[in-house]
Amino acid sequence: MSFRRAAVFLPRQTKSVRITVVGCGGTGSWIAAQVARTGRVLIEQGRRVQIMFIDPDRVSAANVPRSC
């Protein structure tokens, strides 16, 4: 994976960030971890961060392997 063409997704002057992740299953669980890490970095930079994870499903034995 190359990040040569990566772009800044938050302007430097942004003081407050709100992120909502809908669905925390297979792909969503990976994204949730990345969003949490990003939130921590933003907080360390002095920004106000609100993160909401929405997923009405319950964890079952059948879907645990997809979420790990």
PDB file of N, CA and C in Angstrom:
ATOM      1  N   MET A   1       0.841  -1.172   0.000  1.00  0.00           N
ATOM      2  CA  MET A   1       0.000   0.000   0.000  1.00  0.00           C
ATOM      3  C   MET A   1       0.889   1.240   0.000  1.00  0.00           C
ATOM      4  N   SER A   2       0.635   2.126  -0.899  1.00  0.00           N
ATOM      5  CA  SER A   2       1.419   3.349  -1.013  1.00  0.00           C
ATOM      6  C   SER A   2       0.614   4.548  -0.503  1.00  0.00           C
ATOM      7  N   PHE A   3       1.286   5.407   0.227  1.00  0.00           N
ATOM      8  CA  PHE A   3       0.646   6.616   0.743  1.00  0.00           C
ATOM      9  C   PHE A   3       1.176   7.866   0.048  1.00  0.00           C
ATOM     10  N   ARG A   4       1.826   7.697  -1.096  1.00  0.00           N
ATOM     11  CA  ARG A   4       2.400   8.835  -1.818  1.00  0.00           C
ATOM     12  C   ARG A   4       1.356   9.868  -2.197  1.00  0.00           C
ATOM     13  N   ARG A   5       0.150   9.426  -2.473  1.00  0.00           N
ATOM     14  CA  ARG A   5      -0.900  10.357  -2.906  1.00  0.00           C
ATOM     15  C   ARG A   5      -1.864  10.711  -1.772  1.00  0.00           C
ATOM     16  N   ALA A   6      -1.479  10.406  -0.541  1.00  0.00           N
ATOM     17  CA  ALA A   6      -2.339  10.700   0.607  1.00  0.00           C
ATOM     18  C   ALA A   6      -2.518  12.208   0.756  1.00  0.00           C
ATOM     19  N   ALA A   7      -3.686  12.600   1.220  1.00  0.00           N
ATOM     20  CA  ALA A   7      -3.993  14.020   1.402  1.00  0.00           C
ATOM     21  C   ALA A   7      -4.434  14.274   2.839  1.00  0.00           C
ATOM     22  N   VAL A   8      -4.258  15.496   3.290  1.00  0.00           N
ATOM     23  CA  VAL A   8      -4.718  15.897   4.614  1.00  0.00           C
ATOM     24  C   VAL A   8      -6.239  15.918   4.596  1.00  0.00           C
ATOM     25  N   PHE A   9      -6.870  15.242   5.556  1.00  0.00           N
ATOM     26  CA  PHE A   9      -8.327  15.222   5.563  1.00  0.00           C
ATOM     27  C   PHE A   9      -8.921  16.191   6.568  1.00  0.00           C
ATOM     28  N   LEU A  10      -8.096  16.834   7.384  1.00  0.00           N
ATOM     29  CA  LEU A  10      -8.573  17.856   8.316  1.00  0.00           C
ATOM     30  C   LEU A  10      -7.703  19.101   8.178  1.00  0.00           C
ATOM     31  N   PRO A  11      -8.311  20.229   7.918  1.00  0.00           N
ATOM     32  CA  PRO A  11      -7.523  21.466   7.874  1.00  0.00           C
ATOM     33  C   PRO A  11      -6.875  21.723   9.233  1.00  0.00           C
ATOM     34  N   ARG A  12      -5.728  22.330   9.236  1.00  0.00           N
ATOM     35  CA  ARG A  12      -5.001  22.592  10.482  1.00  0.00           C
ATOM     36  C   ARG A  12      -5.789  23.467  11.455  1.00  0.00           C
ATOM     37  N   GLN A  13      -6.635  24.345  10.969  1.00  0.00           N
ATOM     38  CA  GLN A  13      -7.359  25.258  11.853  1.00  0.00           C
ATOM     39  C   GLN A  13      -8.603  24.632  12.487  1.00  0.00           C
ATOM     40  N   THR A  14      -8.938  23.403  12.133  1.00  0.00           N
ATOM     41  CA  THR A  14     -10.106  22.736  12.704  1.00  0.00           C
ATOM     42  C   THR A  14      -9.893  22.511  14.199  1.00  0.00           C
ATOM     43  N   LYS A  15     -10.796  23.035  15.020  1.00  0.00           N
ATOM     44  CA  LYS A  15     -10.674  22.914  16.477  1.00  0.00           C
ATOM     45  C   LYS A  15     -11.513  21.776  17.042  1.00  0.00           C
ATOM     46  N   SER A  16     -12.575  21.414  16.341  1.00  0.00           N
ATOM     47  CA  SER A  16     -13.500  20.404  16.835  1.00  0.00           C
ATOM     48  C   SER A  16     -13.806  19.408  15.720  1.00  0.00           C
ATOM     49  N   VAL A  17     -13.812  18.128  16.089  1.00  0.00           N
ATOM     50  CA  VAL A  17     -14.053  17.067  15.111  1.00  0.00           C
ATOM     51  C   VAL A  17     -15.119  16.130  15.663  1.00  0.00           C
ATOM     52  N   ARG A  18     -16.081  15.784  14.832  1.00  0.00           N
ATOM     53  CA  ARG A  18     -17.115  14.813  15.208  1.00  0.00           C
ATOM     54  C   ARG A  18     -17.094  13.696  14.166  1.00  0.00           C
ATOM     55  N   ILE A  19     -16.920  12.455  14.634  1.00  0.00           N
ATOM     56  CA  ILE A  19     -16.853  11.297  13.748  1.00  0.00           C
ATOM     57  C   ILE A  19     -17.911  10.295  14.186  1.00  0.00           C
ATOM     58  N   THR A  20     -18.677   9.782  13.230  1.00  0.00           N
ATOM     59  CA  THR A  20     -19.665   8.742  13.502  1.00  0.00           C
ATOM     60  C   THR A  20     -19.368   7.549  12.612  1.00  0.00           C
ATOM     61  N   VAL A  21     -19.261   6.376  13.221  1.00  0.00           N
ATOM     62  CA  VAL A  21     -19.055   5.130  12.484  1.00  0.00           C
ATOM     63  C   VAL A  21     -20.325   4.308  12.641  1.00  0.00           C
ATOM     64  N   VAL A  22     -20.959   3.994  11.524  1.00  0.00           N
ATOM     65  CA  VAL A  22     -22.182   3.188  11.552  1.00  0.00           C
ATOM     66  C   VAL A  22     -21.820   1.786  11.086  1.00  0.00           C
ATOM     67  N   GLY A  23     -21.977   0.820  11.973  1.00  0.00           N
ATOM     68  CA  GLY A  23     -21.643  -0.567  11.677  1.00  0.00           C
ATOM     69  C   GLY A  23     -20.236  -0.889  12.148  1.00  0.00           C
ATOM     70  N   CYS A  24     -20.130  -1.734  13.147  1.00  0.00           N
ATOM     71  CA  CYS A  24     -18.822  -2.081  13.711  1.00  0.00           C
ATOM     72  C   CYS A  24     -18.558  -3.574  13.594  1.00  0.00           C
ATOM     73  N   GLY A  25     -19.036  -4.160  12.510  1.00  0.00           N
ATOM     74  CA  GLY A  25     -18.825  -5.591  12.266  1.00  0.00           C
ATOM     75  C   GLY A  25     -17.467  -5.857  11.661  1.00  0.00           C
ATOM     76  N   GLY A  26     -17.421  -6.663  10.616  1.00  0.00           N
ATOM     77  CA  GLY A  26     -16.167  -7.059   9.985  1.00  0.00           C
ATOM     78  C   GLY A  26     -15.287  -5.892   9.593  1.00  0.00           C
ATOM     79  N   THR A  27     -15.681  -5.111   8.612  1.00  0.00           N
ATOM     80  CA  THR A  27     -14.904  -3.948   8.172  1.00  0.00           C
ATOM     81  C   THR A  27     -14.997  -2.820   9.192  1.00  0.00           C
ATOM     82  N   GLY A  28     -16.168  -2.623   9.752  1.00  0.00           N
ATOM     83  CA  GLY A  28     -16.372  -1.538  10.711  1.00  0.00           C
ATOM     84  C   GLY A  28     -15.506  -1.652  11.951  1.00  0.00           C
ATOM     85  N   SER A  29     -15.214  -2.888  12.397  1.00  0.00           N
ATOM     86  CA  SER A  29     -14.371  -3.052  13.586  1.00  0.00           C
ATOM     87  C   SER A  29     -12.952  -2.575  13.310  1.00  0.00           C
ATOM     88  N   TRP A  30     -12.458  -2.803  12.090  1.00  0.00           N
ATOM     89  CA  TRP A  30     -11.126  -2.318  11.721  1.00  0.00           C
ATOM     90  C   TRP A  30     -11.141  -0.792  11.655  1.00  0.00           C
ATOM     91  N   ILE A  31     -12.171  -0.251  11.041  1.00  0.00           N
ATOM     92  CA  ILE A  31     -12.286   1.207  10.926  1.00  0.00           C
ATOM     93  C   ILE A  31     -12.424   1.843  12.310  1.00  0.00           C
ATOM     94  N   ALA A  32     -13.185   1.201  13.205  1.00  0.00           N
ATOM     95  CA  ALA A  32     -13.377   1.736  14.555  1.00  0.00           C
ATOM     96  C   ALA A  32     -12.045   1.889  15.282  1.00  0.00           C
ATOM     97  N   ALA A  33     -11.176   0.906  15.163  1.00  0.00           N
ATOM     98  CA  ALA A  33      -9.865   0.989  15.813  1.00  0.00           C
ATOM     99  C   ALA A  33      -9.041   2.136  15.235  1.00  0.00           C
ATOM    100  N   GLN A  34      -9.087   2.314  13.935  1.00  0.00           N
ATOM    101  CA  GLN A  34      -8.330   3.396  13.292  1.00  0.00           C
ATOM    102  C   GLN A  34      -8.886   4.765  13.689  1.00  0.00           C
ATOM    103  N   VAL A  35     -10.204   4.865  13.774  1.00  0.00           N
ATOM    104  CA  VAL A  35     -10.835   6.128  14.179  1.00  0.00           C
ATOM    105  C   VAL A  35     -10.447   6.464  15.619  1.00  0.00           C
ATOM    106  N   ALA A  36     -10.428   5.459  16.492  1.00  0.00           N
ATOM    107  CA  ALA A  36     -10.037   5.691  17.883  1.00  0.00           C
ATOM    108  C   ALA A  36      -8.597   6.187  17.967  1.00  0.00           C
ATOM    109  N   ARG A  37      -7.706   5.584  17.202  1.00  0.00           N
ATOM    110  CA  ARG A  37      -6.307   6.033  17.190  1.00  0.00           C
ATOM    111  C   ARG A  37      -6.196   7.470  16.666  1.00  0.00           C
ATOM    112  N   THR A  38      -6.929   7.752  15.605  1.00  0.00           N
ATOM    113  CA  THR A  38      -6.919   9.103  15.040  1.00  0.00           C
ATOM    114  C   THR A  38      -7.450  10.106  16.059  1.00  0.00           C
ATOM    115  N   GLY A  39      -8.519   9.728  16.764  1.00  0.00           N
ATOM    116  CA  GLY A  39      -9.080  10.599  17.795  1.00  0.00           C
ATOM    117  C   GLY A  39      -8.073  10.925  18.880  1.00  0.00           C
ATOM    118  N   ARG A  40      -7.311   9.934  19.285  1.00  0.00           N
ATOM    119  CA  ARG A  40      -6.304  10.163  20.324  1.00  0.00           C
ATOM    120  C   ARG A  40      -5.248  11.161  19.850  1.00  0.00           C
ATOM    121  N   VAL A  41      -4.792  11.003  18.626  1.00  0.00           N
ATOM    122  CA  VAL A  41      -3.795  11.932  18.074  1.00  0.00           C
ATOM    123  C   VAL A  41      -4.363  13.347  18.024  1.00  0.00           C
ATOM    124  N   LEU A  42      -5.614  13.472  17.598  1.00  0.00           N
ATOM    125  CA  LEU A  42      -6.236  14.796  17.516  1.00  0.00           C
ATOM    126  C   LEU A  42      -6.367  15.434  18.893  1.00  0.00           C
ATOM    127  N   ILE A  43      -6.715  14.641  19.900  1.00  0.00           N
ATOM    128  CA  ILE A  43      -6.809  15.157  21.273  1.00  0.00           C
ATOM    129  C   ILE A  43      -5.440  15.627  21.750  1.00  0.00           C
ATOM    130  N   GLU A  44      -4.402  14.855  21.440  1.00  0.00           N
ATOM    131  CA  GLU A  44      -3.046  15.253  21.823  1.00  0.00           C
ATOM    132  C   GLU A  44      -2.629  16.555  21.142  1.00  0.00           C
ATOM    133  N   GLN A  45      -3.236  16.856  20.004  1.00  0.00           N
ATOM    134  CA  GLN A  45      -2.961  18.107  19.291  1.00  0.00           C
ATOM    135  C   GLN A  45      -3.818  19.257  19.814  1.00  0.00           C
ATOM    136  N   GLY A  46      -4.642  18.986  20.828  1.00  0.00           N
ATOM    137  CA  GLY A  46      -5.452  20.034  21.430  1.00  0.00           C
ATOM    138  C   GLY A  46      -6.813  20.240  20.793  1.00  0.00           C
ATOM    139  N   ARG A  47      -7.246  19.289  20.005  1.00  0.00           N
ATOM    140  CA  ARG A  47      -8.556  19.419  19.360  1.00  0.00           C
ATOM    141  C   ARG A  47      -9.625  18.715  20.189  1.00  0.00           C
ATOM    142  N   ARG A  48     -10.837  19.192  20.066  1.00  0.00           N
ATOM    143  CA  ARG A  48     -11.984  18.580  20.737  1.00  0.00           C
ATOM    144  C   ARG A  48     -12.518  17.492  19.810  1.00  0.00           C
ATOM    145  N   VAL A  49     -12.658  16.275  20.329  1.00  0.00           N
ATOM    146  CA  VAL A  49     -13.057  15.141  19.495  1.00  0.00           C
ATOM    147  C   VAL A  49     -14.265  14.441  20.101  1.00  0.00           C
ATOM    148  N   GLN A  50     -15.266  14.188  19.269  1.00  0.00           N
ATOM    149  CA  GLN A  50     -16.425  13.382  19.650  1.00  0.00           C
ATOM    150  C   GLN A  50     -16.508  12.224  18.663  1.00  0.00           C
ATOM    151  N   ILE A  51     -16.523  11.002  19.197  1.00  0.00           N
ATOM    152  CA  ILE A  51     -16.623   9.818  18.346  1.00  0.00           C
ATOM    153  C   ILE A  51     -17.828   9.013  18.803  1.00  0.00           C
ATOM    154  N   MET A  52     -18.665   8.625  17.847  1.00  0.00           N
ATOM    155  CA  MET A  52     -19.835   7.804  18.148  1.00  0.00           C
ATOM    156  C   MET A  52     -19.796   6.555  17.265  1.00  0.00           C
ATOM    157  N   PHE A  53     -19.960   5.397  17.908  1.00  0.00           N
ATOM    158  CA  PHE A  53     -20.044   4.131  17.189  1.00  0.00           C
ATOM    159  C   PHE A  53     -21.476   3.628  17.297  1.00  0.00           C
ATOM    160  N   ILE A  54     -22.082   3.321  16.154  1.00  0.00           N
ATOM    161  CA  ILE A  54     -23.468   2.859  16.127  1.00  0.00           C
ATOM    162  C   ILE A  54     -23.512   1.477  15.494  1.00  0.00           C
ATOM    163  N   ASP A  55     -24.004   0.499  16.246  1.00  0.00           N
ATOM    164  CA  ASP A  55     -24.184  -0.848  15.717  1.00  0.00           C
ATOM    165  C   ASP A  55     -25.172  -1.576  16.622  1.00  0.00           C
ATOM    166  N   PRO A  56     -26.394  -1.778  16.151  1.00  0.00           N
ATOM    167  CA  PRO A  56     -27.407  -2.399  16.991  1.00  0.00           C
ATOM    168  C   PRO A  56     -27.258  -3.917  17.137  1.00  0.00           C
ATOM    169  N   ASP A  57     -26.377  -4.537  16.359  1.00  0.00           N
ATOM    170  CA  ASP A  57     -26.222  -5.988  16.430  1.00  0.00           C
ATOM    171  C   ASP A  57     -25.542  -6.413  17.723  1.00  0.00           C
ATOM    172  N   ARG A  58     -25.795  -7.652  18.088  1.00  0.00           N
ATOM    173  CA  ARG A  58     -25.125  -8.254  19.240  1.00  0.00           C
ATOM    174  C   ARG A  58     -24.055  -9.213  18.730  1.00  0.00           C
ATOM    175  N   VAL A  59     -22.972  -9.301  19.479  1.00  0.00           N
ATOM    176  CA  VAL A  59     -21.901 -10.213  19.093  1.00  0.00           C
ATOM    177  C   VAL A  59     -22.377 -11.644  19.301  1.00  0.00           C
ATOM    178  N   SER A  60     -22.162 -12.473  18.283  1.00  0.00           N
ATOM    179  CA  SER A  60     -22.489 -13.894  18.400  1.00  0.00           C
ATOM    180  C   SER A  60     -21.261 -14.704  18.006  1.00  0.00           C
ATOM    181  N   ALA A  61     -21.226 -15.953  18.411  1.00  0.00           N
ATOM    182  CA  ALA A  61     -20.076 -16.815  18.112  1.00  0.00           C
ATOM    183  C   ALA A  61     -19.818 -16.897  16.613  1.00  0.00           C
ATOM    184  N   ALA A  62     -20.868 -16.829  15.811  1.00  0.00           N
ATOM    185  CA  ALA A  62     -20.728 -16.966  14.358  1.00  0.00           C
ATOM    186  C   ALA A  62     -19.986 -15.797  13.717  1.00  0.00           C
ATOM    187  N   ASN A  63     -20.083 -14.598  14.290  1.00  0.00           N
ATOM    188  CA  ASN A  63     -19.441 -13.455  13.634  1.00  0.00           C
ATOM    189  C   ASN A  63     -18.180 -12.946  14.328  1.00  0.00           C
ATOM    190  N   VAL A  64     -17.736 -13.604  15.390  1.00  0.00           N
ATOM    191  CA  VAL A  64     -16.514 -13.183  16.076  1.00  0.00           C
ATOM    192  C   VAL A  64     -15.284 -13.259  15.167  1.00  0.00           C
ATOM    193  N   PRO A  65     -15.095 -14.325  14.385  1.00  0.00           N
ATOM    194  CA  PRO A  65     -13.894 -14.382  13.530  1.00  0.00           C
ATOM    195  C   PRO A  65     -13.781 -13.213  12.546  1.00  0.00           C
ATOM    196  N   ARG A  66     -14.876 -12.660  12.085  1.00  0.00           N
ATOM    197  CA  ARG A  66     -14.840 -11.533  11.145  1.00  0.00           C
ATOM    198  C   ARG A  66     -14.482 -10.230  11.825  1.00  0.00           C
ATOM    199  N   SER A  67     -14.658 -10.147  13.127  1.00  0.00           N
ATOM    200  CA  SER A  67     -14.436  -8.900  13.855  1.00  0.00           C
ATOM    201  C   SER A  67     -13.076  -8.833  14.536  1.00  0.00           C
ATOM    202  N   CYS A  68     -12.277  -9.840  14.372  1.00  0.00           N
ATOM    203  CA  CYS A  68     -10.965  -9.868  15.054  1.00  0.00           C
ATOM    204  C   CYS A  68      -9.857  -9.419  14.147  1.00  0.00           C
TER     205      CYS A  68
END
